Amino acid sequence: MVHECLPLLLARTGRSMRTLTGDDLSQFEAELQASAVVSVSSRRAYRARLFGLRQLLFEARVIDTPPTRRRSAASFEDRLTVVWPRRRSPG
């Protein structure tokens, strides 16, 4: 996260770490999500890295809003089914 996400964010915003804002992180995340070049798996990975970066910046008192996790639209059972599909009984 610190080796990949933070340098990319600093290069994108042109700011130092101490001057970053929550809006900078939100805008960066929105741009990643809208990018046609970034794969779905990379978007998911960067969203997780941004969550961790938000946590670090909050604890370092750089930003004043703690990170929040988005609730998944899929149920726990649905998420497990993707990883471990149900077996169908023979007809």
PDB file of N, CA and C in Angstrom:
ATOM      1  N   MET A   1       0.821  -1.180   0.000  1.00  0.00           N
ATOM      2  CA  MET A   1       0.000   0.000   0.000  1.00  0.00           C
ATOM      3  C   MET A   1       0.871   1.252   0.000  1.00  0.00           C
ATOM      4  N   VAL A   2       1.826   1.317   0.918  1.00  0.00           N
ATOM      5  CA  VAL A   2       2.678   2.498   1.000  1.00  0.00           C
ATOM      6  C   VAL A   2       3.640   2.554  -0.178  1.00  0.00           C
ATOM      7  N   HIS A   3       4.034   1.380  -0.685  1.00  0.00           N
ATOM      8  CA  HIS A   3       4.978   1.344  -1.803  1.00  0.00           C
ATOM      9  C   HIS A   3       4.306   1.567  -3.149  1.00  0.00           C
ATOM     10  N   GLU A   4       3.024   1.265  -3.277  1.00  0.00           N
ATOM     11  CA  GLU A   4       2.334   1.392  -4.559  1.00  0.00           C
ATOM     12  C   GLU A   4       1.315   2.519  -4.571  1.00  0.00           C
ATOM     13  N   CYS A   5       0.418   2.495  -3.621  1.00  0.00           N
ATOM     14  CA  CYS A   5      -0.730   3.399  -3.648  1.00  0.00           C
ATOM     15  C   CYS A   5      -0.349   4.837  -3.292  1.00  0.00           C
ATOM     16  N   LEU A   6       0.396   5.015  -2.219  1.00  0.00           N
ATOM     17  CA  LEU A   6       0.750   6.366  -1.794  1.00  0.00           C
ATOM     18  C   LEU A   6       1.571   7.118  -2.841  1.00  0.00           C
ATOM     19  N   PRO A   7       2.636   6.525  -3.406  1.00  0.00           N
ATOM     20  CA  PRO A   7       3.386   7.267  -4.438  1.00  0.00           C
ATOM     21  C   PRO A   7       2.529   7.635  -5.651  1.00  0.00           C
ATOM     22  N   LEU A   8       1.643   6.724  -6.052  1.00  0.00           N
ATOM     23  CA  LEU A   8       0.766   7.008  -7.182  1.00  0.00           C
ATOM     24  C   LEU A   8      -0.180   8.165  -6.859  1.00  0.00           C
ATOM     25  N   LEU A   9      -0.722   8.161  -5.659  1.00  0.00           N
ATOM     26  CA  LEU A   9      -1.617   9.241  -5.235  1.00  0.00           C
ATOM     27  C   LEU A   9      -0.871  10.571  -5.152  1.00  0.00           C
ATOM     28  N   LEU A  10       0.337  10.545  -4.603  1.00  0.00           N
ATOM     29  CA  LEU A  10       1.122  11.782  -4.505  1.00  0.00           C
ATOM     30  C   LEU A  10       1.486  12.316  -5.888  1.00  0.00           C
ATOM     31  N   ALA A  11       1.852  11.420  -6.801  1.00  0.00           N
ATOM     32  CA  ALA A  11       2.170  11.847  -8.169  1.00  0.00           C
ATOM     33  C   ALA A  11       0.935  12.414  -8.852  1.00  0.00           C
ATOM     34  N   ARG A  12      -0.208  11.783  -8.633  1.00  0.00           N
ATOM     35  CA  ARG A  12      -1.456  12.231  -9.275  1.00  0.00           C
ATOM     36  C   ARG A  12      -1.893  13.598  -8.767  1.00  0.00           C
ATOM     37  N   THR A  13      -1.778  13.817  -7.452  1.00  0.00           N
ATOM     38  CA  THR A  13      -2.256  15.081  -6.874  1.00  0.00           C
ATOM     39  C   THR A  13      -1.209  16.179  -6.882  1.00  0.00           C
ATOM     40  N   GLY A  14       0.088  15.802  -6.919  1.00  0.00           N
ATOM     41  CA  GLY A  14       1.145  16.798  -6.845  1.00  0.00           C
ATOM     42  C   GLY A  14       1.289  17.391  -5.453  1.00  0.00           C
ATOM     43  N   ARG A  15       0.783  16.690  -4.463  1.00  0.00           N
ATOM     44  CA  ARG A  15       0.839  17.176  -3.076  1.00  0.00           C
ATOM     45  C   ARG A  15       1.821  16.349  -2.256  1.00  0.00           C
ATOM     46  N   SER A  16       2.160  16.864  -1.093  1.00  0.00           N
ATOM     47  CA  SER A  16       2.926  16.075  -0.134  1.00  0.00           C
ATOM     48  C   SER A  16       1.936  15.267   0.698  1.00  0.00           C
ATOM     49  N   MET A  17       2.435  14.256   1.402  1.00  0.00           N
ATOM     50  CA  MET A  17       1.540  13.412   2.190  1.00  0.00           C
ATOM     51  C   MET A  17       0.784  14.231   3.240  1.00  0.00           C
ATOM     52  N   ARG A  18       1.444  15.159   3.880  1.00  0.00           N
ATOM     53  CA  ARG A  18       0.820  15.951   4.942  1.00  0.00           C
ATOM     54  C   ARG A  18      -0.274  16.897   4.444  1.00  0.00           C
ATOM     55  N   THR A  19      -0.304  17.166   3.145  1.00  0.00           N
ATOM     56  CA  THR A  19      -1.322  18.089   2.623  1.00  0.00           C
ATOM     57  C   THR A  19      -2.460  17.370   1.904  1.00  0.00           C
ATOM     58  N   LEU A  20      -2.445  16.031   1.905  1.00  0.00           N
ATOM     59  CA  LEU A  20      -3.540  15.288   1.272  1.00  0.00           C
ATOM     60  C   LEU A  20      -4.839  15.500   2.036  1.00  0.00           C
ATOM     61  N   THR A  21      -5.935  15.417   1.324  1.00  0.00           N
ATOM     62  CA  THR A  21      -7.250  15.531   1.947  1.00  0.00           C
ATOM     63  C   THR A  21      -8.064  14.283   1.621  1.00  0.00           C
ATOM     64  N   GLY A  22      -9.146  14.110   2.357  1.00  0.00           N
ATOM     65  CA  GLY A  22     -10.063  13.013   2.067  1.00  0.00           C
ATOM     66  C   GLY A  22     -10.642  13.128   0.670  1.00  0.00           C
ATOM     67  N   ASP A  23     -10.854  14.353   0.214  1.00  0.00           N
ATOM     68  CA  ASP A  23     -11.362  14.570  -1.144  1.00  0.00           C
ATOM     69  C   ASP A  23     -10.366  14.094  -2.199  1.00  0.00           C
ATOM     70  N   ASP A  24      -9.066  14.272  -1.926  1.00  0.00           N
ATOM     71  CA  ASP A  24      -8.044  13.780  -2.857  1.00  0.00           C
ATOM     72  C   ASP A  24      -8.157  12.264  -3.017  1.00  0.00           C
ATOM     73  N   LEU A  25      -8.336  11.573  -1.907  1.00  0.00           N
ATOM     74  CA  LEU A  25      -8.455  10.119  -1.952  1.00  0.00           C
ATOM     75  C   LEU A  25      -9.736   9.702  -2.662  1.00  0.00           C
ATOM     76  N   SER A  26     -10.829  10.396  -2.378  1.00  0.00           N
ATOM     77  CA  SER A  26     -12.104  10.071  -3.022  1.00  0.00           C
ATOM     78  C   SER A  26     -12.053  10.307  -4.528  1.00  0.00           C
ATOM     79  N   GLN A  27     -11.439  11.400  -4.934  1.00  0.00           N
ATOM     80  CA  GLN A  27     -11.322  11.699  -6.365  1.00  0.00           C
ATOM     81  C   GLN A  27     -10.443  10.662  -7.063  1.00  0.00           C
ATOM     82  N   PHE A  28      -9.347  10.287  -6.422  1.00  0.00           N
ATOM     83  CA  PHE A  28      -8.453   9.275  -6.967  1.00  0.00           C
ATOM     84  C   PHE A  28      -9.196   7.943  -7.126  1.00  0.00           C
ATOM     85  N   GLU A  29      -9.971   7.565  -6.123  1.00  0.00           N
ATOM     86  CA  GLU A  29     -10.734   6.323  -6.202  1.00  0.00           C
ATOM     87  C   GLU A  29     -11.770   6.387  -7.323  1.00  0.00           C
ATOM     88  N   ALA A  30     -12.448   7.515  -7.460  1.00  0.00           N
ATOM     89  CA  ALA A  30     -13.444   7.675  -8.525  1.00  0.00           C
ATOM     90  C   ALA A  30     -12.793   7.581  -9.901  1.00  0.00           C
ATOM     91  N   GLU A  31     -11.617   8.174 -10.054  1.00  0.00           N
ATOM     92  CA  GLU A  31     -10.915   8.103 -11.333  1.00  0.00           C
ATOM     93  C   GLU A  31     -10.473   6.673 -11.648  1.00  0.00           C
ATOM     94  N   LEU A  32     -10.035   5.940 -10.638  1.00  0.00           N
ATOM     95  CA  LEU A  32      -9.669   4.536 -10.849  1.00  0.00           C
ATOM     96  C   LEU A  32     -10.885   3.717 -11.281  1.00  0.00           C
ATOM     97  N   GLN A  33     -12.001   3.941 -10.610  1.00  0.00           N
ATOM     98  CA  GLN A  33     -13.215   3.189 -10.934  1.00  0.00           C
ATOM     99  C   GLN A  33     -13.723   3.502 -12.335  1.00  0.00           C
ATOM    100  N   ALA A  34     -13.496   4.715 -12.800  1.00  0.00           N
ATOM    101  CA  ALA A  34     -13.977   5.129 -14.118  1.00  0.00           C
ATOM    102  C   ALA A  34     -13.005   4.775 -15.240  1.00  0.00           C
ATOM    103  N   SER A  35     -11.799   4.375 -14.897  1.00  0.00           N
ATOM    104  CA  SER A  35     -10.770   4.108 -15.904  1.00  0.00           C
ATOM    105  C   SER A  35     -11.118   2.883 -16.748  1.00  0.00           C
ATOM    106  N   ALA A  36     -10.960   3.029 -18.052  1.00  0.00           N
ATOM    107  CA  ALA A  36     -11.190   1.907 -18.961  1.00  0.00           C
ATOM    108  C   ALA A  36      -9.960   1.013 -19.059  1.00  0.00           C
ATOM    109  N   VAL A  37      -8.834   1.471 -18.536  1.00  0.00           N
ATOM    110  CA  VAL A  37      -7.575   0.743 -18.631  1.00  0.00           C
ATOM    111  C   VAL A  37      -7.370  -0.203 -17.443  1.00  0.00           C
ATOM    112  N   VAL A  38      -7.885   0.149 -16.280  1.00  0.00           N
ATOM    113  CA  VAL A  38      -7.678  -0.629 -15.063  1.00  0.00           C
ATOM    114  C   VAL A  38      -8.666  -1.800 -15.026  1.00  0.00           C
ATOM    115  N   SER A  39      -8.138  -3.000 -14.800  1.00  0.00           N
ATOM    116  CA  SER A  39      -8.988  -4.196 -14.762  1.00  0.00           C
ATOM    117  C   SER A  39      -9.844  -4.219 -13.493  1.00  0.00           C
ATOM    118  N   VAL A  40     -10.867  -5.040 -13.497  1.00  0.00           N
ATOM    119  CA  VAL A  40     -11.769  -5.161 -12.346  1.00  0.00           C
ATOM    120  C   VAL A  40     -10.994  -5.615 -11.110  1.00  0.00           C
ATOM    121  N   SER A  41     -10.115  -6.586 -11.276  1.00  0.00           N
ATOM    122  CA  SER A  41      -9.354  -7.073 -10.126  1.00  0.00           C
ATOM    123  C   SER A  41      -8.397  -6.004  -9.598  1.00  0.00           C
ATOM    124  N   SER A  42      -7.816  -5.211 -10.482  1.00  0.00           N
ATOM    125  CA  SER A  42      -6.942  -4.118 -10.043  1.00  0.00           C
ATOM    126  C   SER A  42      -7.734  -3.038  -9.327  1.00  0.00           C
ATOM    127  N   ARG A  43      -8.936  -2.762  -9.797  1.00  0.00           N
ATOM    128  CA  ARG A  43      -9.793  -1.781  -9.111  1.00  0.00           C
ATOM    129  C   ARG A  43     -10.089  -2.234  -7.691  1.00  0.00           C
ATOM    130  N   ARG A  44     -10.427  -3.502  -7.552  1.00  0.00           N
ATOM    131  CA  ARG A  44     -10.733  -4.058  -6.236  1.00  0.00           C
ATOM    132  C   ARG A  44      -9.497  -3.970  -5.330  1.00  0.00           C
ATOM    133  N   ALA A  45      -8.330  -4.303  -5.871  1.00  0.00           N
ATOM    134  CA  ALA A  45      -7.097  -4.249  -5.082  1.00  0.00           C
ATOM    135  C   ALA A  45      -6.779  -2.817  -4.658  1.00  0.00           C
ATOM    136  N   TYR A  46      -6.931  -1.865  -5.575  1.00  0.00           N
ATOM    137  CA  TYR A  46      -6.646  -0.478  -5.226  1.00  0.00           C
ATOM    138  C   TYR A  46      -7.667   0.072  -4.237  1.00  0.00           C
ATOM    139  N   ARG A  47      -8.913  -0.372  -4.314  1.00  0.00           N
ATOM    140  CA  ARG A  47      -9.911   0.054  -3.335  1.00  0.00           C
ATOM    141  C   ARG A  47      -9.494  -0.408  -1.936  1.00  0.00           C
ATOM    142  N   ALA A  48      -8.986  -1.643  -1.843  1.00  0.00           N
ATOM    143  CA  ALA A  48      -8.514  -2.158  -0.553  1.00  0.00           C
ATOM    144  C   ALA A  48      -7.285  -1.379  -0.082  1.00  0.00           C
ATOM    145  N   ARG A  49      -6.368  -1.077  -1.000  1.00  0.00           N
ATOM    146  CA  ARG A  49      -5.179  -0.305  -0.635  1.00  0.00           C
ATOM    147  C   ARG A  49      -5.557   1.106  -0.189  1.00  0.00           C
ATOM    148  N   LEU A  50      -6.519   1.701  -0.868  1.00  0.00           N
ATOM    149  CA  LEU A  50      -6.962   3.036  -0.477  1.00  0.00           C
ATOM    150  C   LEU A  50      -7.612   3.026   0.900  1.00  0.00           C
ATOM    151  N   PHE A  51      -8.340   1.954   1.219  1.00  0.00           N
ATOM    152  CA  PHE A  51      -8.920   1.835   2.556  1.00  0.00           C
ATOM    153  C   PHE A  51      -7.803   1.842   3.597  1.00  0.00           C
ATOM    154  N   GLY A  52      -6.769   1.029   3.364  1.00  0.00           N
ATOM    155  CA  GLY A  52      -5.640   0.984   4.289  1.00  0.00           C
ATOM    156  C   GLY A  52      -4.913   2.311   4.373  1.00  0.00           C
ATOM    157  N   LEU A  53      -4.761   2.973   3.239  1.00  0.00           N
ATOM    158  CA  LEU A  53      -4.098   4.277   3.219  1.00  0.00           C
ATOM    159  C   LEU A  53      -4.925   5.308   3.978  1.00  0.00           C
ATOM    160  N   ARG A  54      -6.248   5.278   3.797  1.00  0.00           N
ATOM    161  CA  ARG A  54      -7.115   6.175   4.565  1.00  0.00           C
ATOM    162  C   ARG A  54      -6.941   5.946   6.063  1.00  0.00           C
ATOM    163  N   GLN A  55      -6.852   4.673   6.460  1.00  0.00           N
ATOM    164  CA  GLN A  55      -6.676   4.346   7.873  1.00  0.00           C
ATOM    165  C   GLN A  55      -5.360   4.916   8.401  1.00  0.00           C
ATOM    166  N   LEU A  56      -4.280   4.721   7.645  1.00  0.00           N
ATOM    167  CA  LEU A  56      -2.980   5.256   8.064  1.00  0.00           C
ATOM    168  C   LEU A  56      -2.995   6.783   8.152  1.00  0.00           C
ATOM    169  N   LEU A  57      -3.578   7.420   7.139  1.00  0.00           N
ATOM    170  CA  LEU A  57      -3.620   8.883   7.135  1.00  0.00           C
ATOM    171  C   LEU A  57      -4.508   9.418   8.254  1.00  0.00           C
ATOM    172  N   PHE A  58      -5.560   8.694   8.586  1.00  0.00           N
ATOM    173  CA  PHE A  58      -6.422   9.094   9.699  1.00  0.00           C
ATOM    174  C   PHE A  58      -5.668   8.966  11.019  1.00  0.00           C
ATOM    175  N   GLU A  59      -4.978   7.846  11.207  1.00  0.00           N
ATOM    176  CA  GLU A  59      -4.233   7.637  12.447  1.00  0.00           C
ATOM    177  C   GLU A  59      -3.064   8.613  12.576  1.00  0.00           C
ATOM    178  N   ALA A  60      -2.504   9.032  11.445  1.00  0.00           N
ATOM    179  CA  ALA A  60      -1.419  10.016  11.465  1.00  0.00           C
ATOM    180  C   ALA A  60      -1.958  11.445  11.538  1.00  0.00           C
ATOM    181  N   ARG A  61      -3.271  11.579  11.610  1.00  0.00           N
ATOM    182  CA  ARG A  61      -3.962  12.878  11.704  1.00  0.00           C
ATOM    183  C   ARG A  61      -3.728  13.776  10.498  1.00  0.00           C
ATOM    184  N   VAL A  62      -3.580  13.131   9.341  1.00  0.00           N
ATOM    185  CA  VAL A  62      -3.471  13.883   8.086  1.00  0.00           C
ATOM    186  C   VAL A  62      -4.867  14.191   7.581  1.00  0.00           C
ATOM    187  N   ILE A  63      -5.754  13.203   7.648  1.00  0.00           N
ATOM    188  CA  ILE A  63      -7.162  13.427   7.293  1.00  0.00           C
ATOM    189  C   ILE A  63      -7.990  13.253   8.563  1.00  0.00           C
ATOM    190  N   ASP A  64      -9.165  13.871   8.598  1.00  0.00           N
ATOM    191  CA  ASP A  64      -9.956  13.851   9.828  1.00  0.00           C
ATOM    192  C   ASP A  64     -11.158  12.918   9.800  1.00  0.00           C
ATOM    193  N   THR A  65     -11.307  12.145   8.729  1.00  0.00           N
ATOM    194  CA  THR A  65     -12.439  11.230   8.620  1.00  0.00           C
ATOM    195  C   THR A  65     -11.938   9.796   8.578  1.00  0.00           C
ATOM    196  N   PRO A  66     -12.413   8.947   9.492  1.00  0.00           N
ATOM    197  CA  PRO A  66     -11.973   7.548   9.462  1.00  0.00           C
ATOM    198  C   PRO A  66     -12.550   6.830   8.244  1.00  0.00           C
ATOM    199  N   PRO A  67     -11.861   5.813   7.764  1.00  0.00           N
ATOM    200  CA  PRO A  67     -12.371   5.076   6.603  1.00  0.00           C
ATOM    201  C   PRO A  67     -13.577   4.235   6.986  1.00  0.00           C
ATOM    202  N   THR A  68     -14.428   4.010   6.022  1.00  0.00           N
ATOM    203  CA  THR A  68     -15.582   3.124   6.229  1.00  0.00           C
ATOM    204  C   THR A  68     -15.592   2.096   5.115  1.00  0.00           C
ATOM    205  N   ARG A  69     -15.988   0.898   5.462  1.00  0.00           N
ATOM    206  CA  ARG A  69     -16.100  -0.162   4.464  1.00  0.00           C
ATOM    207  C   ARG A  69     -17.489  -0.124   3.867  1.00  0.00           C
ATOM    208  N   ARG A  70     -17.523  -0.366   2.573  1.00  0.00           N
ATOM    209  CA  ARG A  70     -18.822  -0.467   1.891  1.00  0.00           C
ATOM    210  C   ARG A  70     -19.398  -1.842   2.162  1.00  0.00           C
ATOM    211  N   ARG A  71     -20.682  -1.893   2.341  1.00  0.00           N
ATOM    212  CA  ARG A  71     -21.335  -3.188   2.512  1.00  0.00           C
ATOM    213  C   ARG A  71     -21.454  -3.847   1.151  1.00  0.00           C
ATOM    214  N   SER A  72     -21.199  -5.124   1.126  1.00  0.00           N
ATOM    215  CA  SER A  72     -21.288  -5.874  -0.122  1.00  0.00           C
ATOM    216  C   SER A  72     -22.756  -6.062  -0.493  1.00  0.00           C
ATOM    217  N   ALA A  73     -23.051  -5.978  -1.768  1.00  0.00           N
ATOM    218  CA  ALA A  73     -24.421  -6.188  -2.231  1.00  0.00           C
ATOM    219  C   ALA A  73     -24.796  -7.664  -2.160  1.00  0.00           C
ATOM    220  N   ALA A  74     -23.796  -8.539  -2.236  1.00  0.00           N
ATOM    221  CA  ALA A  74     -24.056  -9.975  -2.211  1.00  0.00           C
ATOM    222  C   ALA A  74     -24.115 -10.474  -0.767  1.00  0.00           C
ATOM    223  N   SER A  75     -24.954 -11.466  -0.548  1.00  0.00           N
ATOM    224  CA  SER A  75     -25.034 -12.066   0.781  1.00  0.00           C
ATOM    225  C   SER A  75     -23.787 -12.907   1.024  1.00  0.00           C
ATOM    226  N   PHE A  76     -23.575 -13.282   2.268  1.00  0.00           N
ATOM    227  CA  PHE A  76     -22.437 -14.122   2.619  1.00  0.00           C
ATOM    228  C   PHE A  76     -22.505 -15.438   1.852  1.00  0.00           C
ATOM    229  N   GLU A  77     -23.678 -16.012   1.773  1.00  0.00           N
ATOM    230  CA  GLU A  77     -23.857 -17.277   1.046  1.00  0.00           C
ATOM    231  C   GLU A  77     -23.541 -17.108  -0.435  1.00  0.00           C
ATOM    232  N   ASP A  78     -23.981 -16.001  -1.033  1.00  0.00           N
ATOM    233  CA  ASP A  78     -23.698 -15.749  -2.451  1.00  0.00           C
ATOM    234  C   ASP A  78     -22.204 -15.603  -2.708  1.00  0.00           C
ATOM    235  N   ARG A  79     -21.510 -14.922  -1.789  1.00  0.00           N
ATOM    236  CA  ARG A  79     -20.072 -14.752  -1.959  1.00  0.00           C
ATOM    237  C   ARG A  79     -19.337 -16.084  -1.841  1.00  0.00           C
ATOM    238  N   LEU A  80     -19.792 -16.951  -0.935  1.00  0.00           N
ATOM    239  CA  LEU A  80     -19.179 -18.268  -0.802  1.00  0.00           C
ATOM    240  C   LEU A  80     -19.464 -19.145  -2.017  1.00  0.00           C
ATOM    241  N   THR A  81     -20.626 -18.993  -2.610  1.00  0.00           N
ATOM    242  CA  THR A  81     -20.990 -19.793  -3.771  1.00  0.00           C
ATOM    243  C   THR A  81     -20.058 -19.516  -4.944  1.00  0.00           C
ATOM    244  N   VAL A  82     -19.579 -18.295  -5.058  1.00  0.00           N
ATOM    245  CA  VAL A  82     -18.642 -17.963  -6.131  1.00  0.00           C
ATOM    246  C   VAL A  82     -17.350 -18.754  -5.956  1.00  0.00           C
ATOM    247  N   VAL A  83     -16.912 -18.905  -4.720  1.00  0.00           N
ATOM    248  CA  VAL A  83     -15.669 -19.606  -4.440  1.00  0.00           C
ATOM    249  C   VAL A  83     -15.881 -21.119  -4.393  1.00  0.00           C
ATOM    250  N   TRP A  84     -17.003 -21.543  -3.840  1.00  0.00           N
ATOM    251  CA  TRP A  84     -17.279 -22.962  -3.647  1.00  0.00           C
ATOM    252  C   TRP A  84     -18.698 -23.237  -4.160  1.00  0.00           C
ATOM    253  N   PRO A  85     -18.853 -23.455  -5.469  1.00  0.00           N
ATOM    254  CA  PRO A  85     -20.191 -23.629  -6.049  1.00  0.00           C
ATOM    255  C   PRO A  85     -20.915 -24.828  -5.447  1.00  0.00           C
ATOM    256  N   ARG A  86     -22.214 -24.691  -5.357  1.00  0.00           N
ATOM    257  CA  ARG A  86     -23.047 -25.795  -4.856  1.00  0.00           C
ATOM    258  C   ARG A  86     -23.048 -26.927  -5.882  1.00  0.00           C
ATOM    259  N   ARG A  87     -23.079 -28.100  -5.354  1.00  0.00           N
ATOM    260  CA  ARG A  87     -23.164 -29.263  -6.256  1.00  0.00           C
ATOM    261  C   ARG A  87     -24.625 -29.584  -6.480  1.00  0.00           C
ATOM    262  N   ARG A  88     -24.924 -29.847  -7.698  1.00  0.00           N
ATOM    263  CA  ARG A  88     -26.308 -30.210  -8.029  1.00  0.00           C
ATOM    264  C   ARG A  88     -26.463 -31.707  -7.913  1.00  0.00           C
ATOM    265  N   SER A  89     -27.593 -32.106  -7.406  1.00  0.00           N
ATOM    266  CA  SER A  89     -27.831 -33.550  -7.329  1.00  0.00           C
ATOM    267  C   SER A  89     -28.130 -34.102  -8.712  1.00  0.00           C
ATOM    268  N   PRO A  90     -27.666 -35.320  -8.979  1.00  0.00           N
ATOM    269  CA  PRO A  90     -27.914 -35.907 -10.301  1.00  0.00           C
ATOM    270  C   PRO A  90     -29.413 -36.031 -10.551  1.00  0.00           C
ATOM    271  N   GLY A  91     -29.793 -35.783 -11.767  1.00  0.00           N
ATOM    272  CA  GLY A  91     -31.182 -35.733 -12.189  1.00  0.00           C
ATOM    273  C   GLY A  91     -31.901 -36.964 -12.060  1.00  0.00           C
TER     274      GLY A  91
END
